[in-house]
Amino acid sequence: MTKTLAQLPYAADSPIAYLLDLAADVDEPSEDEQRDDAQTTAAHHIYRAYLNSISHVLEVTDWQGYPAWEGVGGRRFEPSAVAWLDGGLWLHHTLHISEADGARDVLTLIVPCTCTRGYVDILLDTEDDLIEILAELRPTHGRSPHSVTPVDCHSVQTVPPLRRLAR
């Protein structure tokens, strides 16, 4: 691709030229850096917010980081990390970034359903929430009880309306 040379609206030695040159030197973090940062951020959140539970069983190396990506409609997903808890359970950590709130940690427990065809994701706000949820999951050995509620398990889908066949 060739670059089109255009007349700049400012002098080459002006303050804005200098500042724009500085900005050109700033690169986005590489995918490897994003993975490492996501892994480290997840571990730090666990060590701070889940001091009496998860921090005792997970280390920074237990997290697998993933880079940012762009979804459907241009929605940006921040780098994230997941940790395998065994028995089909996972933890997912990411940052929710907004202009109003800045960055906040988002930790989700991903639990297999008793039907074995789907998962339920549970947002964890505090360590107390985690303990309460684990107490509910203990009788089912870490499985989310399946119900017919469409939002309960991702394997449960609403039945599409059937059209009558023309005779």
Foldseek 3Di string as FASTA:
>chain_A
DDDDDDDDPDDCPDPVVVVVVVVVPDDDDDFVVQQLVQLVVVLVCCVPFVVPPPNVPDDSVQKTKGAWDADPPRRIFHIKIKGDPPPAKMKIWDWDADPVPGTDIWIWIWFAAPVNPFIAIDTDDGNVSVVVVVVVCVVVPRHHYDDQPQNRTVVRDDDDDDDDDDD
